[in-house]
N, C-alpha and C. Protein backbone atom coordinates (compact mmCIF):
# COMPACT_ATOMS: atom_id res chain seq x y z
N MET A 1 50.33 -139.83 19.25
CA MET A 1 50.01 -138.54 18.65
C MET A 1 48.60 -138.18 19.07
N SER A 2 48.38 -136.92 19.29
CA SER A 2 47.08 -136.49 19.79
C SER A 2 45.99 -136.59 18.72
N LEU A 3 44.81 -136.86 19.17
CA LEU A 3 43.66 -136.93 18.28
C LEU A 3 43.43 -135.58 17.60
N ALA A 4 43.60 -134.49 18.34
CA ALA A 4 43.41 -133.15 17.77
C ALA A 4 44.37 -132.89 16.61
N ALA A 5 45.62 -133.31 16.77
CA ALA A 5 46.61 -133.13 15.70
C ALA A 5 46.20 -133.92 14.47
N ASN A 6 45.79 -135.16 14.66
CA ASN A 6 45.41 -135.98 13.52
C ASN A 6 44.15 -135.47 12.83
N ILE A 7 43.21 -134.95 13.60
CA ILE A 7 42.00 -134.38 12.99
C ILE A 7 42.37 -133.16 12.16
N LEU A 8 43.22 -132.29 12.70
CA LEU A 8 43.63 -131.10 11.93
C LEU A 8 44.40 -131.48 10.68
N ILE A 9 45.26 -132.49 10.78
CA ILE A 9 46.00 -132.96 9.60
C ILE A 9 45.02 -133.49 8.55
N ALA A 10 44.00 -134.22 8.98
CA ALA A 10 43.00 -134.73 8.04
C ALA A 10 42.24 -133.60 7.37
N VAL A 11 41.89 -132.56 8.13
CA VAL A 11 41.21 -131.39 7.56
C VAL A 11 42.10 -130.71 6.52
N ILE A 12 43.38 -130.55 6.84
CA ILE A 12 44.31 -129.93 5.91
C ILE A 12 44.43 -130.77 4.64
N ALA A 13 44.50 -132.09 4.79
CA ALA A 13 44.57 -132.97 3.62
C ALA A 13 43.32 -132.81 2.76
N LEU A 14 42.15 -132.78 3.40
CA LEU A 14 40.90 -132.60 2.65
C LEU A 14 40.84 -131.25 1.95
N LEU A 15 41.36 -130.21 2.61
CA LEU A 15 41.43 -128.89 1.96
C LEU A 15 42.26 -128.97 0.68
N HIS A 16 43.36 -129.69 0.75
CA HIS A 16 44.22 -129.79 -0.43
C HIS A 16 43.61 -130.65 -1.53
N VAL A 17 42.79 -131.60 -1.16
CA VAL A 17 42.02 -132.33 -2.17
C VAL A 17 41.04 -131.36 -2.84
N TRP A 18 40.41 -130.51 -2.05
CA TRP A 18 39.48 -129.51 -2.60
C TRP A 18 40.23 -128.54 -3.52
N PHE A 19 41.44 -128.11 -3.12
CA PHE A 19 42.24 -127.23 -3.98
C PHE A 19 42.54 -127.93 -5.30
N LEU A 20 42.85 -129.23 -5.24
CA LEU A 20 43.10 -130.01 -6.45
C LEU A 20 41.87 -129.96 -7.36
N VAL A 21 40.71 -130.20 -6.80
CA VAL A 21 39.47 -130.19 -7.60
C VAL A 21 39.24 -128.82 -8.21
N LEU A 22 39.40 -127.77 -7.42
CA LEU A 22 39.20 -126.41 -7.93
C LEU A 22 40.17 -126.10 -9.07
N GLU A 23 41.42 -126.45 -8.89
CA GLU A 23 42.44 -126.06 -9.87
C GLU A 23 42.50 -126.97 -11.09
N MET A 24 42.20 -128.25 -10.90
CA MET A 24 42.30 -129.17 -12.03
C MET A 24 41.00 -129.32 -12.82
N PHE A 25 39.87 -129.22 -12.13
CA PHE A 25 38.60 -129.55 -12.79
C PHE A 25 37.61 -128.39 -12.86
N LEU A 26 37.72 -127.42 -11.96
CA LEU A 26 36.76 -126.32 -11.93
C LEU A 26 37.35 -124.98 -12.30
N TRP A 27 38.60 -124.94 -12.67
CA TRP A 27 39.33 -123.69 -12.91
C TRP A 27 38.61 -122.76 -13.88
N THR A 28 38.09 -123.31 -14.96
CA THR A 28 37.44 -122.46 -15.98
C THR A 28 35.93 -122.33 -15.77
N ARG A 29 35.40 -123.03 -14.82
CA ARG A 29 33.97 -122.96 -14.52
C ARG A 29 33.69 -121.80 -13.58
N PRO A 30 32.45 -121.34 -13.52
CA PRO A 30 32.12 -120.19 -12.66
C PRO A 30 32.54 -120.37 -11.20
N SER A 31 32.36 -121.56 -10.64
CA SER A 31 32.73 -121.76 -9.23
C SER A 31 34.24 -121.64 -9.03
N GLY A 32 35.02 -122.15 -9.95
CA GLY A 32 36.47 -122.03 -9.86
C GLY A 32 36.94 -120.61 -10.06
N ARG A 33 36.36 -119.93 -11.04
CA ARG A 33 36.74 -118.52 -11.29
C ARG A 33 36.36 -117.65 -10.10
N ARG A 34 35.21 -117.93 -9.49
CA ARG A 34 34.77 -117.18 -8.32
C ARG A 34 35.72 -117.40 -7.14
N ALA A 35 36.13 -118.65 -6.94
CA ALA A 35 37.02 -118.98 -5.82
C ALA A 35 38.35 -118.24 -5.91
N PHE A 36 38.84 -118.05 -7.13
CA PHE A 36 40.14 -117.43 -7.31
C PHE A 36 40.06 -116.01 -7.87
N GLY A 37 38.85 -115.54 -8.11
CA GLY A 37 38.68 -114.17 -8.59
C GLY A 37 39.28 -113.93 -9.97
N THR A 38 39.10 -114.89 -10.88
CA THR A 38 39.67 -114.76 -12.21
C THR A 38 38.58 -114.53 -13.25
N THR A 39 38.99 -113.98 -14.36
CA THR A 39 38.08 -113.80 -15.49
C THR A 39 38.06 -115.07 -16.33
N SER A 40 37.08 -115.17 -17.18
CA SER A 40 36.97 -116.32 -18.08
C SER A 40 38.20 -116.40 -18.98
N GLU A 41 38.63 -115.25 -19.48
CA GLU A 41 39.78 -115.23 -20.39
C GLU A 41 41.06 -115.68 -19.68
N PHE A 42 41.28 -115.16 -18.47
CA PHE A 42 42.47 -115.54 -17.72
C PHE A 42 42.44 -117.03 -17.38
N ALA A 43 41.27 -117.52 -16.98
CA ALA A 43 41.14 -118.93 -16.62
C ALA A 43 41.48 -119.83 -17.81
N GLU A 44 41.00 -119.47 -18.98
CA GLU A 44 41.30 -120.27 -20.18
C GLU A 44 42.79 -120.25 -20.49
N GLN A 45 43.40 -119.08 -20.37
CA GLN A 45 44.83 -118.95 -20.69
C GLN A 45 45.72 -119.66 -19.68
N SER A 46 45.27 -119.79 -18.46
CA SER A 46 46.13 -120.32 -17.40
C SER A 46 45.71 -121.71 -16.91
N LYS A 47 44.80 -122.37 -17.62
CA LYS A 47 44.28 -123.63 -17.10
C LYS A 47 45.34 -124.73 -16.99
N ALA A 48 46.32 -124.75 -17.86
CA ALA A 48 47.37 -125.76 -17.74
C ALA A 48 48.22 -125.51 -16.49
N LEU A 49 48.53 -124.26 -16.22
CA LEU A 49 49.29 -123.92 -15.01
C LEU A 49 48.50 -124.26 -13.76
N ALA A 50 47.20 -123.96 -13.77
CA ALA A 50 46.35 -124.26 -12.62
C ALA A 50 46.26 -125.76 -12.39
N ALA A 51 46.15 -126.53 -13.46
CA ALA A 51 46.08 -127.98 -13.32
C ALA A 51 47.37 -128.53 -12.71
N ASN A 52 48.49 -127.98 -13.12
CA ASN A 52 49.77 -128.38 -12.56
C ASN A 52 49.82 -128.05 -11.06
N GLN A 53 49.37 -126.88 -10.71
CA GLN A 53 49.31 -126.47 -9.30
C GLN A 53 48.38 -127.38 -8.51
N GLY A 54 47.26 -127.73 -9.11
CA GLY A 54 46.32 -128.64 -8.46
C GLY A 54 46.93 -130.01 -8.20
N LEU A 55 47.73 -130.48 -9.15
CA LEU A 55 48.39 -131.76 -8.98
C LEU A 55 49.33 -131.72 -7.77
N TYR A 56 50.07 -130.63 -7.61
CA TYR A 56 50.96 -130.49 -6.45
C TYR A 56 50.15 -130.49 -5.15
N ASN A 57 49.00 -129.84 -5.16
CA ASN A 57 48.14 -129.88 -3.96
C ASN A 57 47.69 -131.31 -3.67
N GLY A 58 47.45 -132.07 -4.71
CA GLY A 58 47.10 -133.47 -4.53
C GLY A 58 48.23 -134.26 -3.89
N PHE A 59 49.46 -133.97 -4.28
CA PHE A 59 50.61 -134.64 -3.67
C PHE A 59 50.71 -134.31 -2.19
N LEU A 60 50.43 -133.05 -1.83
CA LEU A 60 50.45 -132.67 -0.41
C LEU A 60 49.39 -133.45 0.36
N ALA A 61 48.19 -133.53 -0.21
CA ALA A 61 47.11 -134.29 0.44
C ALA A 61 47.48 -135.76 0.58
N ALA A 62 48.07 -136.33 -0.46
CA ALA A 62 48.47 -137.73 -0.42
C ALA A 62 49.53 -137.98 0.66
N GLY A 63 50.48 -137.07 0.76
CA GLY A 63 51.52 -137.22 1.77
C GLY A 63 50.96 -137.14 3.18
N LEU A 64 50.04 -136.21 3.40
CA LEU A 64 49.43 -136.10 4.72
C LEU A 64 48.59 -137.35 5.03
N GLY A 65 47.87 -137.84 4.04
CA GLY A 65 47.09 -139.06 4.21
C GLY A 65 47.99 -140.25 4.51
N TRP A 66 49.12 -140.34 3.83
CA TRP A 66 50.09 -141.39 4.07
C TRP A 66 50.58 -141.34 5.52
N GLY A 67 50.93 -140.13 5.97
CA GLY A 67 51.38 -139.98 7.35
C GLY A 67 50.31 -140.41 8.35
N LEU A 68 49.06 -140.07 8.07
CA LEU A 68 47.98 -140.49 8.96
C LEU A 68 47.82 -142.01 8.96
N CYS A 69 47.94 -142.63 7.80
CA CYS A 69 47.81 -144.08 7.72
C CYS A 69 48.91 -144.81 8.48
N LEU A 70 50.06 -144.19 8.60
CA LEU A 70 51.18 -144.80 9.32
C LEU A 70 51.02 -144.71 10.84
N GLY A 71 50.06 -143.91 11.29
CA GLY A 71 49.86 -143.74 12.73
C GLY A 71 51.05 -143.04 13.38
N ASP A 72 51.41 -143.49 14.57
CA ASP A 72 52.53 -142.86 15.28
C ASP A 72 53.85 -143.01 14.53
N ALA A 73 53.98 -144.05 13.73
CA ALA A 73 55.19 -144.25 12.94
C ALA A 73 55.32 -143.21 11.81
N GLY A 74 54.24 -142.49 11.55
CA GLY A 74 54.24 -141.49 10.47
C GLY A 74 54.61 -140.09 10.92
N LEU A 75 55.16 -139.94 12.10
CA LEU A 75 55.49 -138.61 12.62
C LEU A 75 56.34 -137.80 11.65
N ALA A 76 57.42 -138.37 11.16
CA ALA A 76 58.32 -137.64 10.26
C ALA A 76 57.62 -137.29 8.94
N VAL A 77 56.80 -138.21 8.45
CA VAL A 77 56.06 -137.96 7.20
C VAL A 77 55.09 -136.81 7.39
N LYS A 78 54.36 -136.83 8.49
CA LYS A 78 53.40 -135.75 8.78
C LYS A 78 54.11 -134.42 8.88
N LEU A 79 55.21 -134.39 9.62
CA LEU A 79 55.93 -133.12 9.80
C LEU A 79 56.51 -132.62 8.48
N PHE A 80 57.02 -133.53 7.66
CA PHE A 80 57.57 -133.12 6.36
C PHE A 80 56.49 -132.47 5.50
N PHE A 81 55.35 -133.15 5.35
CA PHE A 81 54.31 -132.62 4.48
C PHE A 81 53.64 -131.38 5.08
N LEU A 82 53.50 -131.32 6.39
CA LEU A 82 52.99 -130.09 7.01
C LEU A 82 53.96 -128.94 6.77
N GLY A 83 55.26 -129.23 6.82
CA GLY A 83 56.26 -128.20 6.52
C GLY A 83 56.13 -127.71 5.09
N CYS A 84 55.90 -128.64 4.17
CA CYS A 84 55.70 -128.25 2.76
C CYS A 84 54.47 -127.37 2.61
N VAL A 85 53.38 -127.74 3.28
CA VAL A 85 52.15 -126.94 3.23
C VAL A 85 52.41 -125.55 3.82
N LEU A 86 53.13 -125.49 4.94
CA LEU A 86 53.43 -124.21 5.58
C LEU A 86 54.25 -123.32 4.65
N VAL A 87 55.30 -123.85 4.05
CA VAL A 87 56.14 -123.06 3.16
C VAL A 87 55.34 -122.58 1.95
N ALA A 88 54.53 -123.48 1.37
CA ALA A 88 53.70 -123.09 0.23
C ALA A 88 52.70 -122.02 0.63
N GLY A 89 52.13 -122.14 1.81
CA GLY A 89 51.17 -121.14 2.30
C GLY A 89 51.82 -119.80 2.55
N LEU A 90 53.01 -119.81 3.12
CA LEU A 90 53.73 -118.54 3.35
C LEU A 90 54.10 -117.88 2.02
N PHE A 91 54.61 -118.67 1.10
CA PHE A 91 54.98 -118.12 -0.20
C PHE A 91 53.76 -117.58 -0.93
N GLY A 92 52.69 -118.36 -0.96
CA GLY A 92 51.47 -117.90 -1.62
C GLY A 92 50.88 -116.66 -0.95
N GLY A 93 50.94 -116.63 0.37
CA GLY A 93 50.41 -115.47 1.10
C GLY A 93 51.20 -114.21 0.86
N LEU A 94 52.49 -114.37 0.64
CA LEU A 94 53.34 -113.19 0.40
C LEU A 94 53.38 -112.77 -1.05
N THR A 95 53.12 -113.70 -1.97
CA THR A 95 53.26 -113.38 -3.39
C THR A 95 51.95 -113.32 -4.17
N ALA A 96 50.92 -114.03 -3.70
CA ALA A 96 49.68 -114.11 -4.48
C ALA A 96 48.52 -113.43 -3.78
N ALA A 97 48.13 -113.94 -2.63
CA ALA A 97 46.97 -113.39 -1.91
C ALA A 97 47.15 -113.61 -0.42
N ARG A 98 46.93 -112.58 0.35
CA ARG A 98 47.12 -112.66 1.81
C ARG A 98 46.23 -113.72 2.46
N LYS A 99 45.05 -113.98 1.88
CA LYS A 99 44.14 -114.94 2.49
C LYS A 99 44.74 -116.34 2.54
N ILE A 100 45.74 -116.61 1.71
CA ILE A 100 46.40 -117.92 1.72
C ILE A 100 47.11 -118.15 3.06
N LEU A 101 47.54 -117.06 3.68
CA LEU A 101 48.17 -117.20 5.00
C LEU A 101 47.19 -117.81 6.00
N LEU A 102 45.94 -117.40 5.93
CA LEU A 102 44.92 -117.91 6.86
C LEU A 102 44.40 -119.29 6.45
N ILE A 103 44.26 -119.51 5.17
CA ILE A 103 43.65 -120.74 4.67
C ILE A 103 44.64 -121.91 4.66
N GLN A 104 45.91 -121.62 4.39
CA GLN A 104 46.88 -122.69 4.21
C GLN A 104 47.99 -122.67 5.26
N ALA A 105 48.62 -121.52 5.46
CA ALA A 105 49.78 -121.47 6.35
C ALA A 105 49.40 -121.62 7.82
N LEU A 106 48.38 -120.92 8.27
CA LEU A 106 48.00 -120.96 9.68
C LEU A 106 47.58 -122.37 10.13
N PRO A 107 46.71 -123.05 9.38
CA PRO A 107 46.37 -124.41 9.81
C PRO A 107 47.59 -125.34 9.86
N ALA A 108 48.50 -125.20 8.90
CA ALA A 108 49.70 -126.03 8.92
C ALA A 108 50.56 -125.73 10.14
N ALA A 109 50.72 -124.45 10.47
CA ALA A 109 51.51 -124.07 11.64
C ALA A 109 50.86 -124.62 12.92
N LEU A 110 49.53 -124.53 13.00
CA LEU A 110 48.83 -125.06 14.17
C LEU A 110 48.99 -126.58 14.27
N ALA A 111 48.90 -127.25 13.15
CA ALA A 111 49.06 -128.71 13.15
C ALA A 111 50.48 -129.10 13.57
N ILE A 112 51.47 -128.39 13.06
CA ILE A 112 52.86 -128.66 13.48
C ILE A 112 53.00 -128.48 14.98
N ALA A 113 52.41 -127.43 15.52
CA ALA A 113 52.48 -127.20 16.96
C ALA A 113 51.81 -128.33 17.73
N LEU A 114 50.64 -128.77 17.26
CA LEU A 114 49.94 -129.86 17.94
C LEU A 114 50.73 -131.17 17.86
N VAL A 115 51.34 -131.42 16.73
CA VAL A 115 52.15 -132.63 16.58
C VAL A 115 53.34 -132.58 17.54
N MET A 116 53.98 -131.44 17.61
CA MET A 116 55.16 -131.32 18.46
C MET A 116 54.80 -131.39 19.95
N LEU A 117 53.60 -130.96 20.31
CA LEU A 117 53.18 -131.01 21.71
C LEU A 117 52.70 -132.38 22.15
N ALA A 118 52.37 -133.22 21.16
CA ALA A 118 51.81 -134.55 21.49
C ALA A 118 52.90 -135.49 22.00
């Protein structure tokens, strides 16, 4: 597997760890509200939902990390979790905020392409 593919997968995994932190621990704090453009009231009302969403982002990061730890034997694991990230990014970009297409879906699509070309 190419070094570029693995580096991009690691970056995507780290992004999802950051999403976990934002959604599970910073959601009601100013930095979390700023990141998602929410009000204090909305953040308080939706913090359980955000924490749940953050947990799912953590699972995506864990899966990508697992695939990386497996090395070349982790090809299927990497592709599965990149596919999950891509679908989540497309859905979020179409239903929540367009910027999710650039932040989540595009990197996943690029990583899938790099993995397939390796």
